Amino acid sequence: MTPDISDRNKLVDEIIDVICKEGMVDREKVKPDATIESLDLKSIDIVMILTAIEEKFDVYIPMDGSFQDAKTVQDLIDALADRIQKEKNKA
């Protein structure tokens, strides 16, 4: 069962859960203005996060573009939430 994405705040919370779990980052550190670098997330961590997002929300996330260009947690969350909502609206 895929999570309900109609509530943007709930969706953002679910994305943060995945970032914390897959990136092995304490939730307190995952702030909107935190940089990907400050969380010590490497390329492989981002790939693991994107793969987990794909599985959790049953969407396709390309491994390039806005996801790889994200500099802050907010950039990454916005890009993922937008992509998930766009994919789900097509269905």
PDB file of N, CA and C in Angstrom:
ATOM      1  N   MET A   1       0.840  -1.180   0.000  1.00  0.00           N
ATOM      2  CA  MET A   1       0.000   0.000   0.000  1.00  0.00           C
ATOM      3  C   MET A   1       0.883   1.241   0.000  1.00  0.00           C
ATOM      4  N   THR A   2       0.672   2.128  -0.974  1.00  0.00           N
ATOM      5  CA  THR A   2       1.477   3.340  -1.036  1.00  0.00           C
ATOM      6  C   THR A   2       0.898   4.401  -0.109  1.00  0.00           C
ATOM      7  N   PRO A   3       1.756   5.213   0.483  1.00  0.00           N
ATOM      8  CA  PRO A   3       1.293   6.250   1.411  1.00  0.00           C
ATOM      9  C   PRO A   3       0.406   7.285   0.721  1.00  0.00           C
ATOM     10  N   ASP A   4      -0.444   7.922   1.519  1.00  0.00           N
ATOM     11  CA  ASP A   4      -1.313   8.989   1.031  1.00  0.00           C
ATOM     12  C   ASP A   4      -0.456  10.229   0.780  1.00  0.00           C
ATOM     13  N   ILE A   5      -0.494  10.765  -0.448  1.00  0.00           N
ATOM     14  CA  ILE A   5       0.340  11.923  -0.767  1.00  0.00           C
ATOM     15  C   ILE A   5      -0.475  13.196  -0.921  1.00  0.00           C
ATOM     16  N   SER A   6      -1.761  13.152  -0.591  1.00  0.00           N
ATOM     17  CA  SER A   6      -2.595  14.334  -0.777  1.00  0.00           C
ATOM     18  C   SER A   6      -2.232  15.451   0.201  1.00  0.00           C
ATOM     19  N   ASP A   7      -1.691  15.110   1.343  1.00  0.00           N
ATOM     20  CA  ASP A   7      -1.270  16.090   2.340  1.00  0.00           C
ATOM     21  C   ASP A   7       0.229  16.324   2.182  1.00  0.00           C
ATOM     22  N   ARG A   8       0.597  17.517   1.716  1.00  0.00           N
ATOM     23  CA  ARG A   8       2.007  17.832   1.433  1.00  0.00           C
ATOM     24  C   ARG A   8       2.872  17.689   2.692  1.00  0.00           C
ATOM     25  N   ASN A   9       2.378  18.129   3.849  1.00  0.00           N
ATOM     26  CA  ASN A   9       3.160  18.036   5.085  1.00  0.00           C
ATOM     27  C   ASN A   9       3.438  16.580   5.455  1.00  0.00           C
ATOM     28  N   LYS A  10       2.427  15.728   5.271  1.00  0.00           N
ATOM     29  CA  LYS A  10       2.596  14.299   5.561  1.00  0.00           C
ATOM     30  C   LYS A  10       3.604  13.688   4.581  1.00  0.00           C
ATOM     31  N   LEU A  11       3.511  14.101   3.333  1.00  0.00           N
ATOM     32  CA  LEU A  11       4.436  13.613   2.311  1.00  0.00           C
ATOM     33  C   LEU A  11       5.873  14.013   2.669  1.00  0.00           C
ATOM     34  N   VAL A  12       6.071  15.267   3.045  1.00  0.00           N
ATOM     35  CA  VAL A  12       7.398  15.750   3.429  1.00  0.00           C
ATOM     36  C   VAL A  12       7.923  14.955   4.625  1.00  0.00           C
ATOM     37  N   ASP A  13       7.054  14.692   5.579  1.00  0.00           N
ATOM     38  CA  ASP A  13       7.440  13.916   6.766  1.00  0.00           C
ATOM     39  C   ASP A  13       7.890  12.505   6.370  1.00  0.00           C
ATOM     40  N   GLU A  14       7.171  11.894   5.446  1.00  0.00           N
ATOM     41  CA  GLU A  14       7.530  10.542   4.983  1.00  0.00           C
ATOM     42  C   GLU A  14       8.874  10.564   4.252  1.00  0.00           C
ATOM     43  N   ILE A  15       9.120  11.615   3.456  1.00  0.00           N
ATOM     44  CA  ILE A  15      10.390  11.739   2.741  1.00  0.00           C
ATOM     45  C   ILE A  15      11.532  11.891   3.744  1.00  0.00           C
ATOM     46  N   ILE A  16      11.322  12.706   4.770  1.00  0.00           N
ATOM     47  CA  ILE A  16      12.347  12.885   5.808  1.00  0.00           C
ATOM     48  C   ILE A  16      12.636  11.560   6.503  1.00  0.00           C
ATOM     49  N   ASP A  17      11.598  10.769   6.758  1.00  0.00           N
ATOM     50  CA  ASP A  17      11.796   9.440   7.360  1.00  0.00           C
ATOM     51  C   ASP A  17      12.739   8.599   6.507  1.00  0.00           C
ATOM     52  N   VAL A  18      12.531   8.629   5.191  1.00  0.00           N
ATOM     53  CA  VAL A  18      13.371   7.839   4.288  1.00  0.00           C
ATOM     54  C   VAL A  18      14.805   8.374   4.296  1.00  0.00           C
ATOM     55  N   ILE A  19      14.958   9.696   4.259  1.00  0.00           N
ATOM     56  CA  ILE A  19      16.300  10.294   4.288  1.00  0.00           C
ATOM     57  C   ILE A  19      17.040   9.855   5.558  1.00  0.00           C
ATOM     58  N   CYS A  20      16.344   9.894   6.687  1.00  0.00           N
ATOM     59  CA  CYS A  20      16.961   9.506   7.965  1.00  0.00           C
ATOM     60  C   CYS A  20      17.350   8.032   7.966  1.00  0.00           C
ATOM     61  N   LYS A  21      16.437   7.197   7.510  1.00  0.00           N
ATOM     62  CA  LYS A  21      16.686   5.750   7.536  1.00  0.00           C
ATOM     63  C   LYS A  21      17.788   5.357   6.548  1.00  0.00           C
ATOM     64  N   GLU A  22      17.643   5.765   5.306  1.00  0.00           N
ATOM     65  CA  GLU A  22      18.593   5.346   4.267  1.00  0.00           C
ATOM     66  C   GLU A  22      19.936   6.060   4.381  1.00  0.00           C
ATOM     67  N   GLY A  23      19.914   7.313   4.828  1.00  0.00           N
ATOM     68  CA  GLY A  23      21.153   8.061   4.959  1.00  0.00           C
ATOM     69  C   GLY A  23      21.798   7.894   6.318  1.00  0.00           C
ATOM     70  N   MET A  24      21.107   7.154   7.198  1.00  0.00           N
ATOM     71  CA  MET A  24      21.568   6.944   8.574  1.00  0.00           C
ATOM     72  C   MET A  24      21.916   8.274   9.237  1.00  0.00           C
ATOM     73  N   VAL A  25      20.930   9.182   9.216  1.00  0.00           N
ATOM     74  CA  VAL A  25      21.091  10.525   9.757  1.00  0.00           C
ATOM     75  C   VAL A  25      20.080  10.715  10.886  1.00  0.00           C
ATOM     76  N   ASP A  26      20.509  11.344  11.974  1.00  0.00           N
ATOM     77  CA  ASP A  26      19.585  11.663  13.060  1.00  0.00           C
ATOM     78  C   ASP A  26      18.544  12.654  12.558  1.00  0.00           C
ATOM     79  N   ARG A  27      17.294  12.414  12.913  1.00  0.00           N
ATOM     80  CA  ARG A  27      16.205  13.263  12.433  1.00  0.00           C
ATOM     81  C   ARG A  27      16.402  14.731  12.832  1.00  0.00           C
ATOM     82  N   GLU A  28      16.999  14.983  13.996  1.00  0.00           N
ATOM     83  CA  GLU A  28      17.206  16.363  14.450  1.00  0.00           C
ATOM     84  C   GLU A  28      18.125  17.133  13.501  1.00  0.00           C
ATOM     85  N   LYS A  29      18.973  16.426  12.781  1.00  0.00           N
ATOM     86  CA  LYS A  29      19.911  17.082  11.854  1.00  0.00           C
ATOM     87  C   LYS A  29      19.265  17.403  10.511  1.00  0.00           C
ATOM     88  N   VAL A  30      18.150  16.755  10.204  1.00  0.00           N
ATOM     89  CA  VAL A  30      17.506  16.923   8.902  1.00  0.00           C
ATOM     90  C   VAL A  30      16.586  18.142   8.957  1.00  0.00           C
ATOM     91  N   LYS A  31      17.203  19.300   8.823  1.00  0.00           N
ATOM     92  CA  LYS A  31      16.497  20.583   8.815  1.00  0.00           C
ATOM     93  C   LYS A  31      16.440  21.094   7.373  1.00  0.00           C
ATOM     94  N   PRO A  32      15.435  21.894   7.032  1.00  0.00           N
ATOM     95  CA  PRO A  32      15.317  22.391   5.652  1.00  0.00           C
ATOM     96  C   PRO A  32      16.569  23.080   5.124  1.00  0.00           C
ATOM     97  N   ASP A  33      17.263  23.845   5.974  1.00  0.00           N
ATOM     98  CA  ASP A  33      18.428  24.575   5.495  1.00  0.00           C
ATOM     99  C   ASP A  33      19.740  23.808   5.631  1.00  0.00           C
ATOM    100  N   ALA A  34      19.670  22.579   6.147  1.00  0.00           N
ATOM    101  CA  ALA A  34      20.884  21.758   6.233  1.00  0.00           C
ATOM    102  C   ALA A  34      21.320  21.378   4.826  1.00  0.00           C
ATOM    103  N   THR A  35      22.621  21.402   4.591  1.00  0.00           N
ATOM    104  CA  THR A  35      23.108  20.996   3.276  1.00  0.00           C
ATOM    105  C   THR A  35      23.281  19.483   3.240  1.00  0.00           C
ATOM    106  N   ILE A  36      23.224  18.953   2.047  1.00  0.00           N
ATOM    107  CA  ILE A  36      23.449  17.515   1.859  1.00  0.00           C
ATOM    108  C   ILE A  36      24.842  17.170   2.386  1.00  0.00           C
ATOM    109  N   GLU A  37      25.778  18.054   2.108  1.00  0.00           N
ATOM    110  CA  GLU A  37      27.155  17.852   2.553  1.00  0.00           C
ATOM    111  C   GLU A  37      27.258  17.832   4.081  1.00  0.00           C
ATOM    112  N   SER A  38      26.535  18.727   4.758  1.00  0.00           N
ATOM    113  CA  SER A  38      26.608  18.787   6.226  1.00  0.00           C
ATOM    114  C   SER A  38      26.043  17.524   6.879  1.00  0.00           C
ATOM    115  N   LEU A  39      25.165  16.829   6.165  1.00  0.00           N
ATOM    116  CA  LEU A  39      24.615  15.572   6.669  1.00  0.00           C
ATOM    117  C   LEU A  39      25.540  14.401   6.343  1.00  0.00           C
ATOM    118  N   ASP A  40      26.629  14.715   5.626  1.00  0.00           N
ATOM    119  CA  ASP A  40      27.627  13.718   5.238  1.00  0.00           C
ATOM    120  C   ASP A  40      27.017  12.643   4.338  1.00  0.00           C
ATOM    121  N   LEU A  41      26.083  13.065   3.478  1.00  0.00           N
ATOM    122  CA  LEU A  41      25.470  12.135   2.530  1.00  0.00           C
ATOM    123  C   LEU A  41      26.326  12.076   1.269  1.00  0.00           C
ATOM    124  N   LYS A  42      26.725  10.888   0.912  1.00  0.00           N
ATOM    125  CA  LYS A  42      27.531  10.661  -0.288  1.00  0.00           C
ATOM    126  C   LYS A  42      26.602  10.307  -1.445  1.00  0.00           C
ATOM    127  N   SER A  43      27.165  10.231  -2.632  1.00  0.00           N
ATOM    128  CA  SER A  43      26.376   9.888  -3.819  1.00  0.00           C
ATOM    129  C   SER A  43      25.612   8.588  -3.633  1.00  0.00           C
ATOM    130  N   ILE A  44      26.276   7.597  -3.060  1.00  0.00           N
ATOM    131  CA  ILE A  44      25.623   6.301  -2.861  1.00  0.00           C
ATOM    132  C   ILE A  44      24.437   6.426  -1.905  1.00  0.00           C
ATOM    133  N   ASP A  45      24.574   7.312  -0.901  1.00  0.00           N
ATOM    134  CA  ASP A  45      23.461   7.525   0.034  1.00  0.00           C
ATOM    135  C   ASP A  45      22.270   8.128  -0.702  1.00  0.00           C
ATOM    136  N   ILE A  46      22.539   9.082  -1.590  1.00  0.00           N
ATOM    137  CA  ILE A  46      21.460   9.714  -2.359  1.00  0.00           C
ATOM    138  C   ILE A  46      20.776   8.671  -3.241  1.00  0.00           C
ATOM    139  N   VAL A  47      21.562   7.816  -3.869  1.00  0.00           N
ATOM    140  CA  VAL A  47      20.992   6.750  -4.707  1.00  0.00           C
ATOM    141  C   VAL A  47      20.109   5.832  -3.856  1.00  0.00           C
ATOM    142  N   MET A  48      20.578   5.475  -2.666  1.00  0.00           N
ATOM    143  CA  MET A  48      19.791   4.618  -1.772  1.00  0.00           C
ATOM    144  C   MET A  48      18.493   5.313  -1.353  1.00  0.00           C
ATOM    145  N   ILE A  49      18.582   6.605  -1.075  1.00  0.00           N
ATOM    146  CA  ILE A  49      17.389   7.373  -0.699  1.00  0.00           C
ATOM    147  C   ILE A  49      16.403   7.410  -1.861  1.00  0.00           C
ATOM    148  N   LEU A  50      16.899   7.701  -3.068  1.00  0.00           N
ATOM    149  CA  LEU A  50      16.009   7.769  -4.234  1.00  0.00           C
ATOM    150  C   LEU A  50      15.372   6.415  -4.526  1.00  0.00           C
ATOM    151  N   THR A  51      16.145   5.345  -4.384  1.00  0.00           N
ATOM    152  CA  THR A  51      15.616   4.000  -4.611  1.00  0.00           C
ATOM    153  C   THR A  51      14.529   3.671  -3.586  1.00  0.00           C
ATOM    154  N   ALA A  52      14.781   4.026  -2.329  1.00  0.00           N
ATOM    155  CA  ALA A  52      13.790   3.770  -1.276  1.00  0.00           C
ATOM    156  C   ALA A  52      12.516   4.582  -1.515  1.00  0.00           C
ATOM    157  N   ILE A  53      12.672   5.819  -1.991  1.00  0.00           N
ATOM    158  CA  ILE A  53      11.507   6.662  -2.306  1.00  0.00           C
ATOM    159  C   ILE A  53      10.692   6.004  -3.432  1.00  0.00           C
ATOM    160  N   GLU A  54      11.390   5.509  -4.442  1.00  0.00           N
ATOM    161  CA  GLU A  54      10.703   4.827  -5.552  1.00  0.00           C
ATOM    162  C   GLU A  54       9.865   3.664  -5.030  1.00  0.00           C
ATOM    163  N   GLU A  55      10.464   2.853  -4.176  1.00  0.00           N
ATOM    164  CA  GLU A  55       9.763   1.681  -3.649  1.00  0.00           C
ATOM    165  C   GLU A  55       8.596   2.078  -2.748  1.00  0.00           C
ATOM    166  N   LYS A  56       8.832   3.047  -1.874  1.00  0.00           N
ATOM    167  CA  LYS A  56       7.805   3.451  -0.905  1.00  0.00           C
ATOM    168  C   LYS A  56       6.582   4.059  -1.592  1.00  0.00           C
ATOM    169  N   PHE A  57       6.833   4.895  -2.596  1.00  0.00           N
ATOM    170  CA  PHE A  57       5.732   5.626  -3.233  1.00  0.00           C
ATOM    171  C   PHE A  57       5.335   5.055  -4.591  1.00  0.00           C
ATOM    172  N   ASP A  58       6.007   3.999  -5.024  1.00  0.00           N
ATOM    173  CA  ASP A  58       5.715   3.355  -6.302  1.00  0.00           C
ATOM    174  C   ASP A  58       5.753   4.364  -7.454  1.00  0.00           C
ATOM    175  N   VAL A  59       6.877   5.090  -7.529  1.00  0.00           N
ATOM    176  CA  VAL A  59       7.100   6.064  -8.598  1.00  0.00           C
ATOM    177  C   VAL A  59       8.491   5.858  -9.169  1.00  0.00           C
ATOM    178  N   TYR A  60       8.705   6.410 -10.357  1.00  0.00           N
ATOM    179  CA  TYR A  60      10.038   6.391 -10.968  1.00  0.00           C
ATOM    180  C   TYR A  60      10.736   7.711 -10.653  1.00  0.00           C
ATOM    181  N   ILE A  61      11.936   7.624 -10.094  1.00  0.00           N
ATOM    182  CA  ILE A  61      12.737   8.805  -9.789  1.00  0.00           C
ATOM    183  C   ILE A  61      14.012   8.714 -10.637  1.00  0.00           C
ATOM    184  N   PRO A  62      14.191   9.621 -11.597  1.00  0.00           N
ATOM    185  CA  PRO A  62      15.423   9.583 -12.397  1.00  0.00           C
ATOM    186  C   PRO A  62      16.627   9.928 -11.509  1.00  0.00           C
ATOM    187  N   MET A  63      17.730   9.274 -11.753  1.00  0.00           N
ATOM    188  CA  MET A  63      18.918   9.463 -10.911  1.00  0.00           C
ATOM    189  C   MET A  63      19.762  10.650 -11.380  1.00  0.00           C
ATOM    190  N   ASP A  64      19.121  11.651 -11.926  1.00  0.00           N
ATOM    191  CA  ASP A  64      19.860  12.836 -12.368  1.00  0.00           C
ATOM    192  C   ASP A  64      18.982  14.070 -12.170  1.00  0.00           C
ATOM    193  N   GLY A  65      19.363  15.145 -12.764  1.00  0.00           N
ATOM    194  CA  GLY A  65      18.536  16.346 -12.709  1.00  0.00           C
ATOM    195  C   GLY A  65      18.482  16.978 -11.336  1.00  0.00           C
ATOM    196  N   SER A  66      17.306  17.450 -10.957  1.00  0.00           N
ATOM    197  CA  SER A  66      17.131  18.237  -9.738  1.00  0.00           C
ATOM    198  C   SER A  66      17.508  17.468  -8.477  1.00  0.00           C
ATOM    199  N   PHE A  67      17.448  16.154  -8.536  1.00  0.00           N
ATOM    200  CA  PHE A  67      17.785  15.358  -7.350  1.00  0.00           C
ATOM    201  C   PHE A  67      19.289  15.388  -7.083  1.00  0.00           C
ATOM    202  N   GLN A  68      20.064  15.267  -8.141  1.00  0.00           N
ATOM    203  CA  GLN A  68      21.525  15.311  -7.992  1.00  0.00           C
ATOM    204  C   GLN A  68      22.026  16.735  -7.759  1.00  0.00           C
ATOM    205  N   ASP A  69      21.256  17.737  -8.225  1.00  0.00           N
ATOM    206  CA  ASP A  69      21.652  19.139  -8.065  1.00  0.00           C
ATOM    207  C   ASP A  69      21.282  19.710  -6.709  1.00  0.00           C
ATOM    208  N   ALA A  70      20.485  18.992  -5.950  1.00  0.00           N
ATOM    209  CA  ALA A  70      20.028  19.489  -4.647  1.00  0.00           C
ATOM    210  C   ALA A  70      21.222  19.770  -3.740  1.00  0.00           C
ATOM    211  N   LYS A  71      21.208  20.953  -3.159  1.00  0.00           N
ATOM    212  CA  LYS A  71      22.280  21.341  -2.237  1.00  0.00           C
ATOM    213  C   LYS A  71      21.824  21.286  -0.783  1.00  0.00           C
ATOM    214  N   THR A  72      20.523  21.534  -0.568  1.00  0.00           N
ATOM    215  CA  THR A  72      19.993  21.522   0.797  1.00  0.00           C
ATOM    216  C   THR A  72      18.933  20.431   0.928  1.00  0.00           C
ATOM    217  N   VAL A  73      18.610  20.133   2.160  1.00  0.00           N
ATOM    218  CA  VAL A  73      17.553  19.161   2.427  1.00  0.00           C
ATOM    219  C   VAL A  73      16.245  19.652   1.802  1.00  0.00           C
ATOM    220  N   GLN A  74      15.970  20.950   1.910  1.00  0.00           N
ATOM    221  CA  GLN A  74      14.733  21.502   1.339  1.00  0.00           C
ATOM    222  C   GLN A  74      14.690  21.312  -0.173  1.00  0.00           C
ATOM    223  N   ASP A  75      15.817  21.540  -0.857  1.00  0.00           N
ATOM    224  CA  ASP A  75      15.882  21.318  -2.312  1.00  0.00           C
ATOM    225  C   ASP A  75      15.512  19.877  -2.649  1.00  0.00           C
ATOM    226  N   LEU A  76      16.094  18.949  -1.912  1.00  0.00           N
ATOM    227  CA  LEU A  76      15.857  17.524  -2.164  1.00  0.00           C
ATOM    228  C   LEU A  76      14.407  17.157  -1.874  1.00  0.00           C
ATOM    229  N   ILE A  77      13.891  17.621  -0.747  1.00  0.00           N
ATOM    230  CA  ILE A  77      12.506  17.316  -0.376  1.00  0.00           C
ATOM    231  C   ILE A  77      11.539  17.899  -1.405  1.00  0.00           C
ATOM    232  N   ASP A  78      11.755  19.147  -1.804  1.00  0.00           N
ATOM    233  CA  ASP A  78      10.870  19.784  -2.791  1.00  0.00           C
ATOM    234  C   ASP A  78      10.886  19.027  -4.110  1.00  0.00           C
ATOM    235  N   ALA A  79      12.081  18.667  -4.573  1.00  0.00           N
ATOM    236  CA  ALA A  79      12.199  17.939  -5.837  1.00  0.00           C
ATOM    237  C   ALA A  79      11.498  16.586  -5.754  1.00  0.00           C
ATOM    238  N   LEU A  80      11.688  15.881  -4.645  1.00  0.00           N
ATOM    239  CA  LEU A  80      11.055  14.565  -4.486  1.00  0.00           C
ATOM    240  C   LEU A  80       9.543  14.684  -4.355  1.00  0.00           C
ATOM    241  N   ALA A  81       9.078  15.613  -3.533  1.00  0.00           N
ATOM    242  CA  ALA A  81       7.631  15.777  -3.333  1.00  0.00           C
ATOM    243  C   ALA A  81       6.952  16.168  -4.642  1.00  0.00           C
ATOM    244  N   ASP A  82       7.566  17.086  -5.387  1.00  0.00           N
ATOM    245  CA  ASP A  82       6.993  17.498  -6.672  1.00  0.00           C
ATOM    246  C   ASP A  82       6.916  16.326  -7.634  1.00  0.00           C
ATOM    247  N   ARG A  83       7.983  15.548  -7.684  1.00  0.00           N
ATOM    248  CA  ARG A  83       8.030  14.396  -8.594  1.00  0.00           C
ATOM    249  C   ARG A  83       6.972  13.346  -8.199  1.00  0.00           C
ATOM    250  N   ILE A  84       6.884  13.057  -6.916  1.00  0.00           N
ATOM    251  CA  ILE A  84       5.914  12.060  -6.446  1.00  0.00           C
ATOM    252  C   ILE A  84       4.495  12.524  -6.781  1.00  0.00           C
ATOM    253  N   GLN A  85       4.189  13.793  -6.492  1.00  0.00           N
ATOM    254  CA  GLN A  85       2.841  14.288  -6.760  1.00  0.00           C
ATOM    255  C   GLN A  85       2.541  14.297  -8.261  1.00  0.00           C
ATOM    256  N   LYS A  86       3.526  14.654  -9.080  1.00  0.00           N
ATOM    257  CA  LYS A  86       3.329  14.669 -10.535  1.00  0.00           C
ATOM    258  C   LYS A  86       3.067  13.258 -11.055  1.00  0.00           C
ATOM    259  N   GLU A  87       3.859  12.296 -10.576  1.00  0.00           N
ATOM    260  CA  GLU A  87       3.693  10.892 -11.002  1.00  0.00           C
ATOM    261  C   GLU A  87       2.309  10.366 -10.590  1.00  0.00           C
ATOM    262  N   LYS A  88       1.908  10.663  -9.372  1.00  0.00           N
ATOM    263  CA  LYS A  88       0.628  10.164  -8.865  1.00  0.00           C
ATOM    264  C   LYS A  88      -0.562  10.833  -9.561  1.00  0.00           C
ATOM    265  N   ASN A  89      -0.398  12.087  -9.955  1.00  0.00           N
ATOM    266  CA  ASN A  89      -1.485  12.784 -10.652  1.00  0.00           C
ATOM    267  C   ASN A  89      -1.687  12.253 -12.058  1.00  0.00           C
ATOM    268  N   LYS A  90      -0.629  11.661 -12.646  1.00  0.00           N
ATOM    269  CA  LYS A  90      -0.739  11.060 -13.983  1.00  0.00           C
ATOM    270  C   LYS A  90      -1.568   9.780 -13.946  1.00  0.00           C
ATOM    271  N   ALA A  91      -1.452   9.066 -12.834  1.00  0.00           N
ATOM    272  CA  ALA A  91      -2.073   7.738 -12.726  1.00  0.00           C
ATOM    273  C   ALA A  91      -3.578   7.780 -12.729  1.00  0.00           C
TER     274      ALA A  91
END
